[in-house]
Amino acid sequence: MDLSMDKGEEFIAQTQSPEGAAAWKRQLDEFAPGASDWVVGAVFGGTYQREGLELADRQMLNMAALAAMGGTEPQLTGHIKTAVEVAGMTKEQVAECFVHLMPYIGVPKTLAAMRCMKAAFDD
């Protein structure tokens, strides 16, 4: 295993449940074997390891992008959980992120993001 894969697996172990990580890896690899290796190495072992942003900043960016895209509710819910449980953001900060996005992404996508918040916090 190369260094980026090691760092990626270490990051995943710190930020995701074993069941959650296994689920997305299985989903990616079902029809494209090895696709999850790219995510582990390039994203979690690469992009997330860069200097300049804290994990909370990265989670805020992830939440904004996913909320703006729409149709990404499972991923958005997971990033909300990580923002609060691992990155140290408060529920109020997460909510304020979505309120701030409202003029840019619209009320319907903001409401969808708020439903993801509810799902993340009810778990």
PDB file of N, CA and C in Angstrom:
ATOM      1  N   MET A   1       0.856  -1.184   0.000  1.00  0.00           N
ATOM      2  CA  MET A   1       0.000   0.000   0.000  1.00  0.00           C
ATOM      3  C   MET A   1       0.894   1.236   0.000  1.00  0.00           C
ATOM      4  N   ASP A   2       0.568   2.206  -0.826  1.00  0.00           N
ATOM      5  CA  ASP A   2       1.405   3.402  -0.839  1.00  0.00           C
ATOM      6  C   ASP A   2       0.996   4.367   0.270  1.00  0.00           C
ATOM      7  N   LEU A   3       1.806   5.404   0.459  1.00  0.00           N
ATOM      8  CA  LEU A   3       1.612   6.336   1.557  1.00  0.00           C
ATOM      9  C   LEU A   3       0.239   7.000   1.514  1.00  0.00           C
ATOM     10  N   SER A   4      -0.223   7.397   0.311  1.00  0.00           N
ATOM     11  CA  SER A   4      -1.522   8.061   0.228  1.00  0.00           C
ATOM     12  C   SER A   4      -2.651   7.105   0.612  1.00  0.00           C
ATOM     13  N   MET A   5      -2.510   5.821   0.277  1.00  0.00           N
ATOM     14  CA  MET A   5      -3.525   4.843   0.681  1.00  0.00           C
ATOM     15  C   MET A   5      -3.512   4.676   2.200  1.00  0.00           C
ATOM     16  N   ASP A   6      -2.319   4.609   2.791  1.00  0.00           N
ATOM     17  CA  ASP A   6      -2.214   4.493   4.251  1.00  0.00           C
ATOM     18  C   ASP A   6      -2.867   5.691   4.933  1.00  0.00           C
ATOM     19  N   LYS A   7      -2.532   6.886   4.458  1.00  0.00           N
ATOM     20  CA  LYS A   7      -3.104   8.100   5.053  1.00  0.00           C
ATOM     21  C   LYS A   7      -4.609   8.143   4.838  1.00  0.00           C
ATOM     22  N   GLY A   8      -5.060   7.725   3.666  1.00  0.00           N
ATOM     23  CA  GLY A   8      -6.487   7.709   3.377  1.00  0.00           C
ATOM     24  C   GLY A   8      -7.246   6.769   4.290  1.00  0.00           C
ATOM     25  N   GLU A   9      -6.713   5.559   4.476  1.00  0.00           N
ATOM     26  CA  GLU A   9      -7.362   4.593   5.363  1.00  0.00           C
ATOM     27  C   GLU A   9      -7.355   5.088   6.807  1.00  0.00           C
ATOM     28  N   GLU A  10      -6.268   5.731   7.206  1.00  0.00           N
ATOM     29  CA  GLU A  10      -6.188   6.279   8.563  1.00  0.00           C
ATOM     30  C   GLU A  10      -7.238   7.384   8.749  1.00  0.00           C
ATOM     31  N   PHE A  11      -7.374   8.255   7.747  1.00  0.00           N
ATOM     32  CA  PHE A  11      -8.364   9.334   7.817  1.00  0.00           C
ATOM     33  C   PHE A  11      -9.778   8.759   7.887  1.00  0.00           C
ATOM     34  N   ILE A  12     -10.059   7.769   7.073  1.00  0.00           N
ATOM     35  CA  ILE A  12     -11.385   7.142   7.073  1.00  0.00           C
ATOM     36  C   ILE A  12     -11.681   6.540   8.446  1.00  0.00           C
ATOM     37  N   ALA A  13     -10.705   5.874   9.043  1.00  0.00           N
ATOM     38  CA  ALA A  13     -10.899   5.270  10.366  1.00  0.00           C
ATOM     39  C   ALA A  13     -11.209   6.322  11.428  1.00  0.00           C
ATOM     40  N   GLN A  14     -10.665   7.527  11.256  1.00  0.00           N
ATOM     41  CA  GLN A  14     -10.894   8.605  12.220  1.00  0.00           C
ATOM     42  C   GLN A  14     -12.213   9.326  12.003  1.00  0.00           C
ATOM     43  N   THR A  15     -12.761   9.277  10.794  1.00  0.00           N
ATOM     44  CA  THR A  15     -13.912  10.123  10.482  1.00  0.00           C
ATOM     45  C   THR A  15     -15.187   9.375  10.101  1.00  0.00           C
ATOM     46  N   GLN A  16     -15.098   8.071   9.877  1.00  0.00           N
ATOM     47  CA  GLN A  16     -16.269   7.324   9.421  1.00  0.00           C
ATOM     48  C   GLN A  16     -16.415   6.043  10.228  1.00  0.00           C
ATOM     49  N   SER A  17     -17.633   5.563  10.294  1.00  0.00           N
ATOM     50  CA  SER A  17     -17.843   4.273  10.939  1.00  0.00           C
ATOM     51  C   SER A  17     -17.360   3.177   9.986  1.00  0.00           C
ATOM     52  N   PRO A  18     -16.929   2.063  10.529  1.00  0.00           N
ATOM     53  CA  PRO A  18     -16.510   0.964   9.645  1.00  0.00           C
ATOM     54  C   PRO A  18     -17.635   0.523   8.701  1.00  0.00           C
ATOM     55  N   GLU A  19     -18.862   0.527   9.216  1.00  0.00           N
ATOM     56  CA  GLU A  19     -20.004   0.127   8.386  1.00  0.00           C
ATOM     57  C   GLU A  19     -20.251   1.122   7.262  1.00  0.00           C
ATOM     58  N   GLY A  20     -20.162   2.410   7.584  1.00  0.00           N
ATOM     59  CA  GLY A  20     -20.383   3.445   6.573  1.00  0.00           C
ATOM     60  C   GLY A  20     -19.329   3.399   5.491  1.00  0.00           C
ATOM     61  N   ALA A  21     -18.061   3.257   5.882  1.00  0.00           N
ATOM     62  CA  ALA A  21     -16.971   3.188   4.903  1.00  0.00           C
ATOM     63  C   ALA A  21     -17.121   1.949   4.028  1.00  0.00           C
ATOM     64  N   ALA A  22     -17.446   0.823   4.641  1.00  0.00           N
ATOM     65  CA  ALA A  22     -17.614  -0.412   3.869  1.00  0.00           C
ATOM     66  C   ALA A  22     -18.750  -0.273   2.865  1.00  0.00           C
ATOM     67  N   ALA A  23     -19.816   0.430   3.234  1.00  0.00           N
ATOM     68  CA  ALA A  23     -20.972   0.585   2.349  1.00  0.00           C
ATOM     69  C   ALA A  23     -20.620   1.377   1.099  1.00  0.00           C
ATOM     70  N   TRP A  24     -19.951   2.538   1.248  1.00  0.00           N
ATOM     71  CA  TRP A  24     -19.656   3.321   0.049  1.00  0.00           C
ATOM     72  C   TRP A  24     -18.576   2.657  -0.800  1.00  0.00           C
ATOM     73  N   LYS A  25     -17.642   1.970  -0.153  1.00  0.00           N
ATOM     74  CA  LYS A  25     -16.618   1.253  -0.924  1.00  0.00           C
ATOM     75  C   LYS A  25     -17.268   0.137  -1.745  1.00  0.00           C
ATOM     76  N   ARG A  26     -18.156  -0.621  -1.123  1.00  0.00           N
ATOM     77  CA  ARG A  26     -18.860  -1.707  -1.805  1.00  0.00           C
ATOM     78  C   ARG A  26     -19.676  -1.170  -2.975  1.00  0.00           C
ATOM     79  N   GLN A  27     -20.350  -0.045  -2.761  1.00  0.00           N
ATOM     80  CA  GLN A  27     -21.177   0.545  -3.815  1.00  0.00           C
ATOM     81  C   GLN A  27     -20.322   0.983  -5.004  1.00  0.00           C
ATOM     82  N   LEU A  28     -19.198   1.618  -4.746  1.00  0.00           N
ATOM     83  CA  LEU A  28     -18.319   2.044  -5.836  1.00  0.00           C
ATOM     84  C   LEU A  28     -17.714   0.856  -6.568  1.00  0.00           C
ATOM     85  N   ASP A  29     -17.305  -0.160  -5.834  1.00  0.00           N
ATOM     86  CA  ASP A  29     -16.588  -1.287  -6.420  1.00  0.00           C
ATOM     87  C   ASP A  29     -17.482  -2.325  -7.079  1.00  0.00           C
ATOM     88  N   GLU A  30     -18.784  -2.277  -6.814  1.00  0.00           N
ATOM     89  CA  GLU A  30     -19.686  -3.294  -7.359  1.00  0.00           C
ATOM     90  C   GLU A  30     -19.581  -3.382  -8.875  1.00  0.00           C
ATOM     91  N   PHE A  31     -19.615  -2.254  -9.551  1.00  0.00           N
ATOM     92  CA  PHE A  31     -19.569  -2.250 -11.015  1.00  0.00           C
ATOM     93  C   PHE A  31     -18.255  -1.706 -11.561  1.00  0.00           C
ATOM     94  N   ALA A  32     -17.439  -1.144 -10.686  1.00  0.00           N
ATOM     95  CA  ALA A  32     -16.140  -0.605 -11.096  1.00  0.00           C
ATOM     96  C   ALA A  32     -15.098  -1.007 -10.056  1.00  0.00           C
ATOM     97  N   PRO A  33     -14.689  -2.267 -10.078  1.00  0.00           N
ATOM     98  CA  PRO A  33     -13.733  -2.739  -9.078  1.00  0.00           C
ATOM     99  C   PRO A  33     -12.504  -1.836  -8.992  1.00  0.00           C
ATOM    100  N   GLY A  34     -12.143  -1.504  -7.758  1.00  0.00           N
ATOM    101  CA  GLY A  34     -10.982  -0.650  -7.530  1.00  0.00           C
ATOM    102  C   GLY A  34     -11.291   0.834  -7.466  1.00  0.00           C
ATOM    103  N   ALA A  35     -12.515   1.228  -7.796  1.00  0.00           N
ATOM    104  CA  ALA A  35     -12.865   2.657  -7.765  1.00  0.00           C
ATOM    105  C   ALA A  35     -12.715   3.239  -6.370  1.00  0.00           C
ATOM    106  N   SER A  36     -13.026   2.449  -5.360  1.00  0.00           N
ATOM    107  CA  SER A  36     -12.902   2.969  -3.993  1.00  0.00           C
ATOM    108  C   SER A  36     -11.444   3.229  -3.633  1.00  0.00           C
ATOM    109  N   ASP A  37     -10.519   2.488  -4.231  1.00  0.00           N
ATOM    110  CA  ASP A  37      -9.095   2.727  -3.970  1.00  0.00           C
ATOM    111  C   ASP A  37      -8.688   4.130  -4.409  1.00  0.00           C
ATOM    112  N   TRP A  38      -9.244   4.576  -5.525  1.00  0.00           N
ATOM    113  CA  TRP A  38      -8.937   5.936  -5.996  1.00  0.00           C
ATOM    114  C   TRP A  38      -9.432   6.956  -4.977  1.00  0.00           C
ATOM    115  N   VAL A  39     -10.653   6.786  -4.469  1.00  0.00           N
ATOM    116  CA  VAL A  39     -11.201   7.720  -3.490  1.00  0.00           C
ATOM    117  C   VAL A  39     -10.343   7.717  -2.229  1.00  0.00           C
ATOM    118  N   VAL A  40      -9.981   6.530  -1.757  1.00  0.00           N
ATOM    119  CA  VAL A  40      -9.160   6.439  -0.546  1.00  0.00           C
ATOM    120  C   VAL A  40      -7.836   7.157  -0.747  1.00  0.00           C
ATOM    121  N   GLY A  41      -7.142   6.867  -1.837  1.00  0.00           N
ATOM    122  CA  GLY A  41      -5.819   7.433  -2.057  1.00  0.00           C
ATOM    123  C   GLY A  41      -5.822   8.887  -2.477  1.00  0.00           C
ATOM    124  N   ALA A  42      -6.633   9.212  -3.478  1.00  0.00           N
ATOM    125  CA  ALA A  42      -6.602  10.572  -4.039  1.00  0.00           C
ATOM    126  C   ALA A  42      -7.362  11.586  -3.198  1.00  0.00           C
ATOM    127  N   VAL A  43      -8.513  11.190  -2.684  1.00  0.00           N
ATOM    128  CA  VAL A  43      -9.335  12.140  -1.929  1.00  0.00           C
ATOM    129  C   VAL A  43      -8.924  12.155  -0.457  1.00  0.00           C
ATOM    130  N   PHE A  44      -9.114  11.024   0.237  1.00  0.00           N
ATOM    131  CA  PHE A  44      -8.848  11.005   1.676  1.00  0.00           C
ATOM    132  C   PHE A  44      -7.358  10.980   1.996  1.00  0.00           C
ATOM    133  N   GLY A  45      -6.559  10.371   1.141  1.00  0.00           N
ATOM    134  CA  GLY A  45      -5.119  10.331   1.365  1.00  0.00           C
ATOM    135  C   GLY A  45      -4.374  11.447   0.660  1.00  0.00           C
ATOM    136  N   GLY A  46      -5.069  12.205  -0.180  1.00  0.00           N
ATOM    137  CA  GLY A  46      -4.447  13.288  -0.941  1.00  0.00           C
ATOM    138  C   GLY A  46      -5.050  14.641  -0.619  1.00  0.00           C
ATOM    139  N   THR A  47      -6.207  14.925  -1.189  1.00  0.00           N
ATOM    140  CA  THR A  47      -6.841  16.231  -1.031  1.00  0.00           C
ATOM    141  C   THR A  47      -7.039  16.602   0.435  1.00  0.00           C
ATOM    142  N   TYR A  48      -7.552  15.672   1.221  1.00  0.00           N
ATOM    143  CA  TYR A  48      -7.813  15.966   2.634  1.00  0.00           C
ATOM    144  C   TYR A  48      -6.532  16.180   3.437  1.00  0.00           C
ATOM    145  N   GLN A  49      -5.398  15.751   2.914  1.00  0.00           N
ATOM    146  CA  GLN A  49      -4.127  15.867   3.631  1.00  0.00           C
ATOM    147  C   GLN A  49      -3.404  17.183   3.345  1.00  0.00           C
ATOM    148  N   ARG A  50      -3.904  17.959   2.409  1.00  0.00           N
ATOM    149  CA  ARG A  50      -3.243  19.215   2.058  1.00  0.00           C
ATOM    150  C   ARG A  50      -3.328  20.205   3.213  1.00  0.00           C
ATOM    151  N   GLU A  51      -2.327  21.049   3.310  1.00  0.00           N
ATOM    152  CA  GLU A  51      -2.318  22.091   4.331  1.00  0.00           C
ATOM    153  C   GLU A  51      -3.189  23.261   3.881  1.00  0.00           C
ATOM    154  N   GLY A  52      -3.559  24.099   4.832  1.00  0.00           N
ATOM    155  CA  GLY A  52      -4.270  25.321   4.504  1.00  0.00           C
ATOM    156  C   GLY A  52      -5.715  25.371   4.945  1.00  0.00           C
ATOM    157  N   LEU A  53      -6.348  24.212   5.133  1.00  0.00           N
ATOM    158  CA  LEU A  53      -7.726  24.170   5.604  1.00  0.00           C
ATOM    159  C   LEU A  53      -7.825  23.162   6.738  1.00  0.00           C
ATOM    160  N   GLU A  54      -8.594  23.520   7.735  1.00  0.00           N
ATOM    161  CA  GLU A  54      -8.897  22.589   8.817  1.00  0.00           C
ATOM    162  C   GLU A  54     -10.044  21.684   8.369  1.00  0.00           C
ATOM    163  N   LEU A  55     -10.255  20.597   9.093  1.00  0.00           N
ATOM    164  CA  LEU A  55     -11.323  19.667   8.737  1.00  0.00           C
ATOM    165  C   LEU A  55     -12.680  20.360   8.748  1.00  0.00           C
ATOM    166  N   ALA A  56     -12.927  21.239   9.700  1.00  0.00           N
ATOM    167  CA  ALA A  56     -14.210  21.949   9.745  1.00  0.00           C
ATOM    168  C   ALA A  56     -14.410  22.796   8.479  1.00  0.00           C
ATOM    169  N   ASP A  57     -13.345  23.435   7.998  1.00  0.00           N
ATOM    170  CA  ASP A  57     -13.439  24.210   6.753  1.00  0.00           C
ATOM    171  C   ASP A  57     -13.784  23.295   5.581  1.00  0.00           C
ATOM    172  N   ARG A  58     -13.130  22.164   5.515  1.00  0.00           N
ATOM    173  CA  ARG A  58     -13.379  21.215   4.429  1.00  0.00           C
ATOM    174  C   ARG A  58     -14.810  20.695   4.492  1.00  0.00           C
ATOM    175  N   GLN A  59     -15.280  20.414   5.700  1.00  0.00           N
ATOM    176  CA  GLN A  59     -16.657  19.930   5.843  1.00  0.00           C
ATOM    177  C   GLN A  59     -17.652  21.008   5.416  1.00  0.00           C
ATOM    178  N   MET A  60     -17.366  22.256   5.764  1.00  0.00           N
ATOM    179  CA  MET A  60     -18.249  23.347   5.356  1.00  0.00           C
ATOM    180  C   MET A  60     -18.319  23.431   3.827  1.00  0.00           C
ATOM    181  N   LEU A  61     -17.176  23.320   3.178  1.00  0.00           N
ATOM    182  CA  LEU A  61     -17.147  23.347   1.720  1.00  0.00           C
ATOM    183  C   LEU A  61     -17.896  22.152   1.134  1.00  0.00           C
ATOM    184  N   ASN A  62     -17.675  20.974   1.711  1.00  0.00           N
ATOM    185  CA  ASN A  62     -18.378  19.773   1.241  1.00  0.00           C
ATOM    186  C   ASN A  62     -19.888  19.935   1.382  1.00  0.00           C
ATOM    187  N   MET A  63     -20.319  20.430   2.543  1.00  0.00           N
ATOM    188  CA  MET A  63     -21.757  20.607   2.765  1.00  0.00           C
ATOM    189  C   MET A  63     -22.340  21.605   1.781  1.00  0.00           C
ATOM    190  N   ALA A  64     -21.631  22.687   1.527  1.00  0.00           N
ATOM    191  CA  ALA A  64     -22.122  23.696   0.584  1.00  0.00           C
ATOM    192  C   ALA A  64     -22.245  23.115  -0.818  1.00  0.00           C
ATOM    193  N   ALA A  65     -21.228  22.400  -1.260  1.00  0.00           N
ATOM    194  CA  ALA A  65     -21.258  21.820  -2.600  1.00  0.00           C
ATOM    195  C   ALA A  65     -22.377  20.794  -2.732  1.00  0.00           C
ATOM    196  N   LEU A  66     -22.503  19.915  -1.749  1.00  0.00           N
ATOM    197  CA  LEU A  66     -23.530  18.876  -1.809  1.00  0.00           C
ATOM    198  C   LEU A  66     -24.928  19.473  -1.740  1.00  0.00           C
ATOM    199  N   ALA A  67     -25.121  20.474  -0.893  1.00  0.00           N
ATOM    200  CA  ALA A  67     -26.430  21.130  -0.803  1.00  0.00           C
ATOM    201  C   ALA A  67     -26.769  21.819  -2.118  1.00  0.00           C
ATOM    202  N   ALA A  68     -25.784  22.459  -2.739  1.00  0.00           N
ATOM    203  CA  ALA A  68     -26.024  23.159  -4.003  1.00  0.00           C
ATOM    204  C   ALA A  68     -26.356  22.180  -5.127  1.00  0.00           C
ATOM    205  N   MET A  69     -25.717  21.019  -5.123  1.00  0.00           N
ATOM    206  CA  MET A  69     -25.988  20.020  -6.162  1.00  0.00           C
ATOM    207  C   MET A  69     -27.387  19.448  -6.038  1.00  0.00           C
ATOM    208  N   GLY A  70     -27.786  19.160  -4.820  1.00  0.00           N
ATOM    209  CA  GLY A  70     -29.058  18.484  -4.617  1.00  0.00           C
ATOM    210  C   GLY A  70     -28.954  17.027  -5.042  1.00  0.00           C
ATOM    211  N   GLY A  71     -29.870  16.204  -4.572  1.00  0.00           N
ATOM    212  CA  GLY A  71     -29.870  14.794  -4.923  1.00  0.00           C
ATOM    213  C   GLY A  71     -28.735  14.011  -4.283  1.00  0.00           C
ATOM    214  N   THR A  72     -28.117  14.579  -3.267  1.00  0.00           N
ATOM    215  CA  THR A  72     -26.963  13.950  -2.614  1.00  0.00           C
ATOM    216  C   THR A  72     -27.223  13.763  -1.122  1.00  0.00           C
ATOM    217  N   GLU A  73     -28.469  13.520  -0.778  1.00  0.00           N
ATOM    218  CA  GLU A  73     -28.858  13.507   0.625  1.00  0.00           C
ATOM    219  C   GLU A  73     -28.056  12.539   1.492  1.00  0.00           C
ATOM    220  N   PRO A  74     -27.784  11.293   1.050  1.00  0.00           N
ATOM    221  CA  PRO A  74     -26.990  10.412   1.929  1.00  0.00           C
ATOM    222  C   PRO A  74     -25.596  10.974   2.207  1.00  0.00           C
ATOM    223  N   GLN A  75     -24.958  11.515   1.178  1.00  0.00           N
ATOM    224  CA  GLN A  75     -23.624  12.078   1.360  1.00  0.00           C
ATOM    225  C   GLN A  75     -23.668  13.337   2.217  1.00  0.00           C
ATOM    226  N   LEU A  76     -24.636  14.200   1.985  1.00  0.00           N
ATOM    227  CA  LEU A  76     -24.767  15.429   2.769  1.00  0.00           C
ATOM    228  C   LEU A  76     -25.007  15.094   4.238  1.00  0.00           C
ATOM    229  N   THR A  77     -25.884  14.145   4.501  1.00  0.00           N
ATOM    230  CA  THR A  77     -26.153  13.732   5.874  1.00  0.00           C
ATOM    231  C   THR A  77     -24.872  13.224   6.538  1.00  0.00           C
ATOM    232  N   GLY A  78     -24.096  12.439   5.828  1.00  0.00           N
ATOM    233  CA  GLY A  78     -22.838  11.931   6.373  1.00  0.00           C
ATOM    234  C   GLY A  78     -21.843  13.036   6.666  1.00  0.00           C
ATOM    235  N   HIS A  79     -21.748  14.019   5.768  1.00  0.00           N
ATOM    236  CA  HIS A  79     -20.807  15.119   6.004  1.00  0.00           C
ATOM    237  C   HIS A  79     -21.272  16.018   7.155  1.00  0.00           C
ATOM    238  N   ILE A  80     -22.574  16.147   7.334  1.00  0.00           N
ATOM    239  CA  ILE A  80     -23.087  16.905   8.481  1.00  0.00           C
ATOM    240  C   ILE A  80     -22.674  16.206   9.778  1.00  0.00           C
ATOM    241  N   LYS A  81     -22.839  14.876   9.822  1.00  0.00           N
ATOM    242  CA  LYS A  81     -22.430  14.119  11.009  1.00  0.00           C
ATOM    243  C   LYS A  81     -20.944  14.305  11.285  1.00  0.00           C
ATOM    244  N   THR A  82     -20.132  14.211  10.240  1.00  0.00           N
ATOM    245  CA  THR A  82     -18.688  14.376  10.413  1.00  0.00           C
ATOM    246  C   THR A  82     -18.351  15.780  10.885  1.00  0.00           C
ATOM    247  N   ALA A  83     -19.053  16.778  10.340  1.00  0.00           N
ATOM    248  CA  ALA A  83     -18.794  18.168  10.737  1.00  0.00           C
ATOM    249  C   ALA A  83     -18.991  18.352  12.236  1.00  0.00           C
ATOM    250  N   VAL A  84     -20.026  17.738  12.776  1.00  0.00           N
ATOM    251  CA  VAL A  84     -20.339  17.916  14.201  1.00  0.00           C
ATOM    252  C   VAL A  84     -19.553  16.936  15.074  1.00  0.00           C
ATOM    253  N   GLU A  85     -19.563  15.659  14.705  1.00  0.00           N
ATOM    254  CA  GLU A  85     -18.985  14.628  15.567  1.00  0.00           C
ATOM    255  C   GLU A  85     -17.463  14.574  15.519  1.00  0.00           C
ATOM    256  N   VAL A  86     -16.869  14.953  14.395  1.00  0.00           N
ATOM    257  CA  VAL A  86     -15.421  14.822  14.244  1.00  0.00           C
ATOM    258  C   VAL A  86     -14.732  16.178  14.111  1.00  0.00           C
ATOM    259  N   ALA A  87     -15.306  17.071  13.305  1.00  0.00           N
ATOM    260  CA  ALA A  87     -14.639  18.348  13.021  1.00  0.00           C
ATOM    261  C   ALA A  87     -14.920  19.418  14.065  1.00  0.00           C
ATOM    262  N   GLY A  88     -15.840  19.155  14.985  1.00  0.00           N
ATOM    263  CA  GLY A  88     -16.075  20.083  16.088  1.00  0.00           C
ATOM    264  C   GLY A  88     -17.017  21.239  15.800  1.00  0.00           C
ATOM    265  N   MET A  89     -17.735  21.191  14.680  1.00  0.00           N
ATOM    266  CA  MET A  89     -18.715  22.250  14.418  1.00  0.00           C
ATOM    267  C   MET A  89     -19.940  22.036  15.305  1.00  0.00           C
ATOM    268  N   THR A  90     -20.607  23.115  15.649  1.00  0.00           N
ATOM    269  CA  THR A  90     -21.851  23.000  16.408  1.00  0.00           C
ATOM    270  C   THR A  90     -23.008  22.839  15.437  1.00  0.00           C
ATOM    271  N   LYS A  91     -24.116  22.348  15.962  1.00  0.00           N
ATOM    272  CA  LYS A  91     -25.319  22.229  15.134  1.00  0.00           C
ATOM    273  C   LYS A  91     -25.739  23.603  14.628  1.00  0.00           C
ATOM    274  N   GLU A  92     -25.562  24.612  15.449  1.00  0.00           N
ATOM    275  CA  GLU A  92     -25.926  25.980  15.060  1.00  0.00           C
ATOM    276  C   GLU A  92     -25.053  26.469  13.906  1.00  0.00           C
ATOM    277  N   GLN A  93     -23.767  26.139  13.932  1.00  0.00           N
ATOM    278  CA  GLN A  93     -22.881  26.527  12.836  1.00  0.00           C
ATOM    279  C   GLN A  93     -23.277  25.844  11.532  1.00  0.00           C
ATOM    280  N   VAL A  94     -23.620  24.577  11.611  1.00  0.00           N
ATOM    281  CA  VAL A  94     -24.052  23.855  10.421  1.00  0.00           C
ATOM    282  C   VAL A  94     -25.327  24.498   9.864  1.00  0.00           C
ATOM    283  N   ALA A  95     -26.283  24.769  10.738  1.00  0.00           N
ATOM    284  CA  ALA A  95     -27.525  25.406  10.294  1.00  0.00           C
ATOM    285  C   ALA A  95     -27.242  26.758   9.655  1.00  0.00           C
ATOM    286  N   GLU A  96     -26.344  27.528  10.250  1.00  0.00           N
ATOM    287  CA  GLU A  96     -26.017  28.852   9.716  1.00  0.00           C
ATOM    288  C   GLU A  96     -25.362  28.755   8.343  1.00  0.00           C
ATOM    289  N   CYS A  97     -24.597  27.700   8.111  1.00  0.00           N
ATOM    290  CA  CYS A  97     -24.027  27.486   6.768  1.00  0.00           C
ATOM    291  C   CYS A  97     -25.137  27.414   5.728  1.00  0.00           C
ATOM    292  N   PHE A  98     -26.183  26.649   6.045  1.00  0.00           N
ATOM    293  CA  PHE A  98     -27.264  26.487   5.079  1.00  0.00           C
ATOM    294  C   PHE A  98     -28.093  27.760   4.939  1.00  0.00           C
ATOM    295  N   VAL A  99     -28.293  28.480   6.035  1.00  0.00           N
ATOM    296  CA  VAL A  99     -28.993  29.762   5.958  1.00  0.00           C
ATOM    297  C   VAL A  99     -28.202  30.727   5.074  1.00  0.00           C
ATOM    298  N   HIS A 100     -26.891  30.729   5.237  1.00  0.00           N
ATOM    299  CA  HIS A 100     -26.047  31.607   4.414  1.00  0.00           C
ATOM    300  C   HIS A 100     -26.149  31.238   2.934  1.00  0.00           C
ATOM    301  N   LEU A 101     -26.304  29.961   2.639  1.00  0.00           N
ATOM    302  CA  LEU A 101     -26.394  29.510   1.247  1.00  0.00           C
ATOM    303  C   LEU A 101     -27.737  29.806   0.592  1.00  0.00           C
ATOM    304  N   MET A 102     -28.759  30.044   1.393  1.00  0.00           N
ATOM    305  CA  MET A 102     -30.118  30.166   0.866  1.00  0.00           C
ATOM    306  C   MET A 102     -30.252  31.113  -0.327  1.00  0.00           C
ATOM    307  N   PRO A 103     -29.683  32.326  -0.298  1.00  0.00           N
ATOM    308  CA  PRO A 103     -29.847  33.196  -1.461  1.00  0.00           C
ATOM    309  C   PRO A 103     -29.114  32.676  -2.702  1.00  0.00           C
ATOM    310  N   TYR A 104     -28.164  31.790  -2.503  1.00  0.00           N
ATOM    311  CA  TYR A 104     -27.360  31.283  -3.609  1.00  0.00           C
ATOM    312  C   TYR A 104     -27.902  29.977  -4.191  1.00  0.00           C
ATOM    313  N   ILE A 105     -28.455  29.111  -3.326  1.00  0.00           N
ATOM    314  CA  ILE A 105     -28.921  27.805  -3.799  1.00  0.00           C
ATOM    315  C   ILE A 105     -30.438  27.701  -3.826  1.00  0.00           C
ATOM    316  N   GLY A 106     -31.120  28.641  -3.193  1.00  0.00           N
ATOM    317  CA  GLY A 106     -32.579  28.635  -3.191  1.00  0.00           C
ATOM    318  C   GLY A 106     -33.167  27.976  -1.954  1.00  0.00           C
ATOM    319  N   VAL A 107     -34.424  28.310  -1.713  1.00  0.00           N
ATOM    320  CA  VAL A 107     -35.135  27.790  -0.543  1.00  0.00           C
ATOM    321  C   VAL A 107     -35.340  26.280  -0.627  1.00  0.00           C
ATOM    322  N   PRO A 108     -35.742  25.716  -1.776  1.00  0.00           N
ATOM    323  CA  PRO A 108     -35.955  24.265  -1.805  1.00  0.00           C
ATOM    324  C   PRO A 108     -34.703  23.452  -1.450  1.00  0.00           C
ATOM    325  N   LYS A 109     -33.560  23.832  -1.972  1.00  0.00           N
ATOM    326  CA  LYS A 109     -32.334  23.093  -1.648  1.00  0.00           C
ATOM    327  C   LYS A 109     -31.914  23.332  -0.201  1.00  0.00           C
ATOM    328  N   THR A 110     -32.196  24.515   0.324  1.00  0.00           N
ATOM    329  CA  THR A 110     -31.902  24.780   1.731  1.00  0.00           C
ATOM    330  C   THR A 110     -32.796  23.916   2.619  1.00  0.00           C
ATOM    331  N   LEU A 111     -34.067  23.808   2.265  1.00  0.00           N
ATOM    332  CA  LEU A 111     -34.969  22.948   3.036  1.00  0.00           C
ATOM    333  C   LEU A 111     -34.514  21.494   2.976  1.00  0.00           C
ATOM    334  N   ALA A 112     -34.052  21.045   1.819  1.00  0.00           N
ATOM    335  CA  ALA A 112     -33.540  19.677   1.692  1.00  0.00           C
ATOM    336  C   ALA A 112     -32.324  19.487   2.586  1.00  0.00           C
ATOM    337  N   ALA A 113     -31.445  20.487   2.638  1.00  0.00           N
ATOM    338  CA  ALA A 113     -30.265  20.410   3.513  1.00  0.00           C
ATOM    339  C   ALA A 113     -30.690  20.360   4.973  1.00  0.00           C
ATOM    340  N   MET A 114     -31.709  21.118   5.333  1.00  0.00           N
ATOM    341  CA  MET A 114     -32.194  21.107   6.711  1.00  0.00           C
ATOM    342  C   MET A 114     -32.792  19.740   7.070  1.00  0.00           C
ATOM    343  N   ARG A 115     -33.428  19.077   6.102  1.00  0.00           N
ATOM    344  CA  ARG A 115     -33.934  17.722   6.361  1.00  0.00           C
ATOM    345  C   ARG A 115     -32.764  16.770   6.608  1.00  0.00           C
ATOM    346  N   CYS A 116     -31.667  16.969   5.884  1.00  0.00           N
ATOM    347  CA  CYS A 116     -30.467  16.162   6.118  1.00  0.00           C
ATOM    348  C   CYS A 116     -29.904  16.421   7.503  1.00  0.00           C
ATOM    349  N   MET A 117     -29.964  17.678   7.938  1.00  0.00           N
ATOM    350  CA  MET A 117     -29.524  18.000   9.301  1.00  0.00           C
ATOM    351  C   MET A 117     -30.347  17.234  10.311  1.00  0.00           C
ATOM    352  N   LYS A 118     -31.661  17.259  10.123  1.00  0.00           N
ATOM    353  CA  LYS A 118     -32.545  16.554  11.045  1.00  0.00           C
ATOM    354  C   LYS A 118     -32.199  15.068  11.069  1.00  0.00           C
ATOM    355  N   ALA A 119     -32.001  14.477   9.912  1.00  0.00           N
ATOM    356  CA  ALA A 119     -31.650  13.057   9.843  1.00  0.00           C
ATOM    357  C   ALA A 119     -30.317  12.789  10.533  1.00  0.00           C
ATOM    358  N   ALA A 120     -29.352  13.675  10.320  1.00  0.00           N
ATOM    359  CA  ALA A 120     -28.025  13.488  10.936  1.00  0.00           C
ATOM    360  C   ALA A 120     -28.097  13.588  12.450  1.00  0.00           C
ATOM    361  N   PHE A 121     -28.890  14.510  12.944  1.00  0.00           N
ATOM    362  CA  PHE A 121     -28.961  14.745  14.382  1.00  0.00           C
ATOM    363  C   PHE A 121     -29.903  13.773  15.083  1.00  0.00           C
ATOM    364  N   ASP A 122     -30.834  13.173  14.348  1.00  0.00           N
ATOM    365  CA  ASP A 122     -31.759  12.213  14.953  1.00  0.00           C
ATOM    366  C   ASP A 122     -31.137  10.839  15.101  1.00  0.00           C
ATOM    367  N   ASP A 123     -30.031  10.586  14.383  1.00  0.00           N
ATOM    368  CA  ASP A 123     -29.376   9.263  14.469  1.00  0.00           C
ATOM    369  C   ASP A 123     -28.726   9.044  15.810  1.00  0.00           C
TER     370      ASP A 123
END
